[in-house]
Amino acid sequence: MPLHDTTALSGTIRHVFAHRFTLEAGGETHLADLGPKGVDAFPITSGLHVTLEGERRPSEIKVTRISAAGRDPVEIHHKKPHHAPGSKRADGPADPAHALAAAASAGWMVVNAPRRKPKHFEVLARRRERADTELHIDFGGTIYREKPADRAKWAAPA
């Protein structure tokens, strides 16, 4: 996952959408996200002048700290995205041999070479008389998803 730039802004909240809001600062409008727990800890309203810090993402600013005059600053911790059980970061060891070994130990016969994705391998495999199945295997060697194989996908070169 790429690292995101941090930013600090001071401005006025114009529109509130549950835990997201628009902030006018420096002649520009920014979309910011407090998260559900963040908005519980720091209620926001249109017209409120705030100072915030956060990670600038392509679509919004994930607020990590927010304050306003007369109110205590609030630190906000956003939950990290959920990935497959036992998965490792994409920059960890991504060895296709682990994926092949995981499939074999679970009784699958691998039909095609593993295809590497950012956080897992996709493997086309078959078991007994069952139809071909696409396995998603994390870098730790855990099969976390089985789905019917898409013939068109697997016919095309990786």
C-alpha atoms as a PDB file:
ATOM      1  CA  MET A   1       0.000   0.000   0.000  1.00  0.00           C
ATOM      2  CA  PRO A   2       1.493   3.351  -0.960  1.00  0.00           C
ATOM      3  CA  LEU A   3       2.372   5.860   1.688  1.00  0.00           C
ATOM      4  CA  HIS A   4       0.226   8.972   1.588  1.00  0.00           C
ATOM      5  CA  ASP A   5       1.354  12.541   2.143  1.00  0.00           C
ATOM      6  CA  THR A   6       0.282  14.199   5.368  1.00  0.00           C
ATOM      7  CA  THR A   7      -1.351  17.566   5.206  1.00  0.00           C
ATOM      8  CA  ALA A   8      -2.514  20.246   7.624  1.00  0.00           C
ATOM      9  CA  LEU A   9      -5.346  22.647   6.815  1.00  0.00           C
ATOM     10  CA  SER A  10      -7.409  25.315   8.539  1.00  0.00           C
ATOM     11  CA  GLY A  11     -10.759  26.248   7.134  1.00  0.00           C
ATOM     12  CA  THR A  12     -14.526  26.228   7.406  1.00  0.00           C
ATOM     13  CA  ILE A  13     -16.742  23.177   7.173  1.00  0.00           C
ATOM     14  CA  ARG A  14     -19.376  23.770   4.471  1.00  0.00           C
ATOM     15  CA  HIS A  15     -21.236  20.475   4.025  1.00  0.00           C
ATOM     16  CA  VAL A  16     -21.520  17.473   6.338  1.00  0.00           C
ATOM     17  CA  PHE A  17     -22.284  13.944   5.094  1.00  0.00           C
ATOM     18  CA  ALA A  18     -22.380  11.663   8.163  1.00  0.00           C
ATOM     19  CA  HIS A  19     -18.643  11.354   9.031  1.00  0.00           C
ATOM     20  CA  ARG A  20     -17.377  13.061   5.847  1.00  0.00           C
ATOM     21  CA  PHE A  21     -17.400  16.788   5.211  1.00  0.00           C
ATOM     22  CA  THR A  22     -16.184  19.446   2.817  1.00  0.00           C
ATOM     23  CA  LEU A  23     -13.678  21.973   4.090  1.00  0.00           C
ATOM     24  CA  GLU A  24     -13.014  25.310   2.406  1.00  0.00           C
ATOM     25  CA  ALA A  25      -9.388  26.218   2.966  1.00  0.00           C
ATOM     26  CA  GLY A  26      -7.036  28.398   0.962  1.00  0.00           C
ATOM     27  CA  GLY A  27      -9.633  29.024  -1.752  1.00  0.00           C
ATOM     28  CA  GLU A  28     -10.114  25.286  -2.399  1.00  0.00           C
ATOM     29  CA  THR A  29     -12.689  22.725  -1.299  1.00  0.00           C
ATOM     30  CA  HIS A  30     -11.428  19.470   0.226  1.00  0.00           C
ATOM     31  CA  LEU A  31     -13.316  16.301   1.149  1.00  0.00           C
ATOM     32  CA  ALA A  32     -12.329  15.019   4.581  1.00  0.00           C
ATOM     33  CA  ASP A  33     -13.217  11.836   6.490  1.00  0.00           C
ATOM     34  CA  LEU A  34     -13.364  11.604  10.282  1.00  0.00           C
ATOM     35  CA  GLY A  35     -14.711   8.065  10.369  1.00  0.00           C
ATOM     36  CA  PRO A  36     -17.781   7.056  12.391  1.00  0.00           C
ATOM     37  CA  LYS A  37     -15.927   6.999  15.720  1.00  0.00           C
ATOM     38  CA  GLY A  38     -14.168  10.274  14.949  1.00  0.00           C
ATOM     39  CA  VAL A  39     -17.428  12.138  14.423  1.00  0.00           C
ATOM     40  CA  ASP A  40     -18.706  10.711  17.718  1.00  0.00           C
ATOM     41  CA  ALA A  41     -15.627  12.097  19.491  1.00  0.00           C
ATOM     42  CA  PHE A  42     -15.661  15.433  17.638  1.00  0.00           C
ATOM     43  CA  PRO A  43     -19.156  16.408  16.396  1.00  0.00           C
ATOM     44  CA  ILE A  44     -19.052  18.620  13.314  1.00  0.00           C
ATOM     45  CA  THR A  45     -21.486  21.160  11.883  1.00  0.00           C
ATOM     46  CA  SER A  46     -21.623  23.360   8.838  1.00  0.00           C
ATOM     47  CA  GLY A  47     -19.923  26.727   9.463  1.00  0.00           C
ATOM     48  CA  LEU A  48     -17.493  25.415  12.112  1.00  0.00           C
ATOM     49  CA  HIS A  49     -13.896  26.673  11.655  1.00  0.00           C
ATOM     50  CA  VAL A  50     -11.460  23.786  12.234  1.00  0.00           C
ATOM     51  CA  THR A  51      -7.793  22.899  11.955  1.00  0.00           C
ATOM     52  CA  LEU A  52      -7.037  19.374  10.842  1.00  0.00           C
ATOM     53  CA  GLU A  53      -4.165  17.069  10.016  1.00  0.00           C
ATOM     54  CA  GLY A  54      -4.429  13.895   8.006  1.00  0.00           C
ATOM     55  CA  GLU A  55      -3.314  11.649   5.186  1.00  0.00           C
ATOM     56  CA  ARG A  56      -4.098  12.974   1.720  1.00  0.00           C
ATOM     57  CA  ARG A  57      -5.611  10.180  -0.357  1.00  0.00           C
ATOM     58  CA  PRO A  58      -6.670  10.418  -4.012  1.00  0.00           C
ATOM     59  CA  SER A  59     -10.306  10.952  -3.049  1.00  0.00           C
ATOM     60  CA  GLU A  60     -10.185  12.552   0.402  1.00  0.00           C
ATOM     61  CA  ILE A  61      -8.202  13.475   3.481  1.00  0.00           C
ATOM     62  CA  LYS A  62      -8.289  10.838   6.238  1.00  0.00           C
ATOM     63  CA  VAL A  63      -8.312  13.082   9.298  1.00  0.00           C
ATOM     64  CA  THR A  64      -5.938  11.991  12.083  1.00  0.00           C
ATOM     65  CA  ARG A  65      -6.252  15.114  14.272  1.00  0.00           C
ATOM     66  CA  ILE A  66      -8.889  17.833  14.405  1.00  0.00           C
ATOM     67  CA  SER A  67      -9.409  20.870  16.628  1.00  0.00           C
ATOM     68  CA  ALA A  68     -11.537  23.993  16.863  1.00  0.00           C
ATOM     69  CA  ALA A  69     -11.489  27.110  19.030  1.00  0.00           C
ATOM     70  CA  GLY A  70     -12.798  26.351  22.512  1.00  0.00           C
ATOM     71  CA  ARG A  71     -12.650  22.574  22.004  1.00  0.00           C
ATOM     72  CA  ASP A  72      -9.980  20.056  22.884  1.00  0.00           C
ATOM     73  CA  PRO A  73      -8.121  18.552  19.900  1.00  0.00           C
ATOM     74  CA  VAL A  74      -9.078  14.968  19.071  1.00  0.00           C
ATOM     75  CA  GLU A  75      -6.740  12.272  17.711  1.00  0.00           C
ATOM     76  CA  ILE A  76      -8.473   9.867  15.320  1.00  0.00           C
ATOM     77  CA  HIS A  77      -7.269   6.364  14.542  1.00  0.00           C
ATOM     78  CA  HIS A  78      -8.727   4.824  11.397  1.00  0.00           C
ATOM     79  CA  LYS A  79      -9.084   1.072  11.134  1.00  0.00           C
ATOM     80  CA  LYS A  80      -6.777  -0.507   8.629  1.00  0.00           C
ATOM     81  CA  PRO A  81      -8.356  -2.352   5.684  1.00  0.00           C
ATOM     82  CA  HIS A  82      -9.146  -5.994   6.341  1.00  0.00           C
ATOM     83  CA  HIS A  83      -7.201  -8.469   4.282  1.00  0.00           C
ATOM     84  CA  ALA A  84      -7.211 -12.216   4.171  1.00  0.00           C
ATOM     85  CA  PRO A  85      -6.378 -14.017   7.413  1.00  0.00           C
ATOM     86  CA  GLY A  86      -2.634 -14.439   7.717  1.00  0.00           C
ATOM     87  CA  SER A  87      -1.878 -12.240   4.736  1.00  0.00           C
ATOM     88  CA  LYS A  88       1.343 -10.311   4.674  1.00  0.00           C
ATOM     89  CA  ARG A  89       2.134  -6.963   3.152  1.00  0.00           C
ATOM     90  CA  ALA A  90       2.806  -6.948  -0.577  1.00  0.00           C
ATOM     91  CA  ASP A  91       6.453  -6.120   0.051  1.00  0.00           C
ATOM     92  CA  GLY A  92       6.825  -9.301   2.153  1.00  0.00           C
ATOM     93  CA  PRO A  93       7.993 -12.597   0.676  1.00  0.00           C
ATOM     94  CA  ALA A  94       5.704 -13.476  -2.222  1.00  0.00           C
ATOM     95  CA  ASP A  95       6.894 -16.953  -3.140  1.00  0.00           C
ATOM     96  CA  PRO A  96       4.709 -18.842  -5.646  1.00  0.00           C
ATOM     97  CA  ALA A  97       6.103 -22.081  -4.198  1.00  0.00           C
ATOM     98  CA  HIS A  98       4.160 -21.339  -0.989  1.00  0.00           C
ATOM     99  CA  ALA A  99       0.945 -20.988  -2.999  1.00  0.00           C
ATOM    100  CA  LEU A 100       1.605 -24.249  -4.877  1.00  0.00           C
ATOM    101  CA  ALA A 101       2.411 -26.078  -1.641  1.00  0.00           C
ATOM    102  CA  ALA A 102      -0.756 -24.754   0.034  1.00  0.00           C
ATOM    103  CA  ALA A 103      -2.914 -25.930  -2.869  1.00  0.00           C
ATOM    104  CA  ALA A 104      -1.271 -29.372  -2.937  1.00  0.00           C
ATOM    105  CA  SER A 105      -1.552 -29.865   0.828  1.00  0.00           C
ATOM    106  CA  ALA A 106      -5.286 -29.062   0.623  1.00  0.00           C
ATOM    107  CA  GLY A 107      -5.758 -31.758  -2.024  1.00  0.00           C
ATOM    108  CA  TRP A 108      -5.892 -29.542  -5.106  1.00  0.00           C
ATOM    109  CA  MET A 109      -4.192 -30.354  -8.411  1.00  0.00           C
ATOM    110  CA  VAL A 110      -2.830 -27.123  -9.893  1.00  0.00           C
ATOM    111  CA  VAL A 111      -3.762 -26.589 -13.547  1.00  0.00           C
ATOM    112  CA  ASN A 112      -1.958 -23.275 -14.334  1.00  0.00           C
ATOM    113  CA  ALA A 113       0.973 -21.367 -12.901  1.00  0.00           C
ATOM    114  CA  PRO A 114       0.128 -19.048  -9.990  1.00  0.00           C
ATOM    115  CA  ARG A 115      -0.676 -15.450 -10.935  1.00  0.00           C
ATOM    116  CA  ARG A 116       0.694 -12.885  -8.521  1.00  0.00           C
ATOM    117  CA  LYS A 117      -1.589 -10.112  -7.324  1.00  0.00           C
ATOM    118  CA  PRO A 118      -0.634  -7.316  -4.888  1.00  0.00           C
ATOM    119  CA  LYS A 119      -1.605  -9.271  -1.760  1.00  0.00           C
ATOM    120  CA  HIS A 120      -2.147 -12.852  -2.910  1.00  0.00           C
ATOM    121  CA  PHE A 121      -1.720 -15.427  -5.654  1.00  0.00           C
ATOM    122  CA  GLU A 122      -4.520 -16.714  -7.857  1.00  0.00           C
ATOM    123  CA  VAL A 123      -4.212 -20.382  -8.766  1.00  0.00           C
ATOM    124  CA  LEU A 124      -6.363 -22.406 -11.159  1.00  0.00           C
ATOM    125  CA  ALA A 125      -6.822 -25.830  -9.610  1.00  0.00           C
ATOM    126  CA  ARG A 126      -9.042 -28.900  -9.686  1.00  0.00           C
ATOM    127  CA  ARG A 127     -10.036 -31.508  -7.105  1.00  0.00           C
ATOM    128  CA  ARG A 128     -11.379 -34.954  -8.062  1.00  0.00           C
ATOM    129  CA  GLU A 129     -14.386 -34.595 -10.395  1.00  0.00           C
ATOM    130  CA  ARG A 130     -15.112 -30.982  -9.438  1.00  0.00           C
ATOM    131  CA  ALA A 131     -14.969 -28.209 -12.021  1.00  0.00           C
ATOM    132  CA  ASP A 132     -11.902 -26.000 -12.220  1.00  0.00           C
ATOM    133  CA  THR A 133     -11.710 -23.620  -9.281  1.00  0.00           C
ATOM    134  CA  GLU A 134      -9.842 -20.367  -8.773  1.00  0.00           C
ATOM    135  CA  LEU A 135      -8.034 -20.319  -5.430  1.00  0.00           C
ATOM    136  CA  HIS A 136      -6.892 -17.124  -3.725  1.00  0.00           C
ATOM    137  CA  ILE A 137      -3.861 -17.882  -1.569  1.00  0.00           C
ATOM    138  CA  ASP A 138      -2.209 -15.231   0.592  1.00  0.00           C
ATOM    139  CA  PHE A 139       1.561 -14.883   0.827  1.00  0.00           C
ATOM    140  CA  GLY A 140       1.549 -16.850   4.076  1.00  0.00           C
ATOM    141  CA  GLY A 141       0.162 -19.912   2.237  1.00  0.00           C
ATOM    142  CA  THR A 142      -3.471 -19.729   3.422  1.00  0.00           C
ATOM    143  CA  ILE A 143      -6.277 -20.438   0.970  1.00  0.00           C
ATOM    144  CA  TYR A 144      -8.903 -17.858   1.849  1.00  0.00           C
ATOM    145  CA  ARG A 145     -11.177 -17.951  -1.187  1.00  0.00           C
ATOM    146  CA  GLU A 146     -12.423 -20.571  -3.642  1.00  0.00           C
ATOM    147  CA  LYS A 147     -14.595 -19.591  -6.582  1.00  0.00           C
ATOM    148  CA  PRO A 148     -15.636 -21.132  -9.896  1.00  0.00           C
ATOM    149  CA  ALA A 149     -13.008 -20.484 -12.549  1.00  0.00           C
ATOM    150  CA  ASP A 150     -13.747 -17.913 -15.228  1.00  0.00           C
ATOM    151  CA  ARG A 151     -12.736 -19.659 -18.461  1.00  0.00           C
ATOM    152  CA  ALA A 152     -12.126 -16.409 -20.357  1.00  0.00           C
ATOM    153  CA  LYS A 153      -9.857 -15.077 -17.610  1.00  0.00           C
ATOM    154  CA  TRP A 154      -7.722 -18.190 -17.479  1.00  0.00           C
ATOM    155  CA  ALA A 155      -7.577 -18.586 -21.289  1.00  0.00           C
ATOM    156  CA  ALA A 156      -5.900 -15.169 -21.593  1.00  0.00           C
ATOM    157  CA  PRO A 157      -2.170 -14.943 -20.809  1.00  0.00           C
ATOM    158  CA  ALA A 158      -1.361 -13.487 -17.391  1.00  0.00           C
END
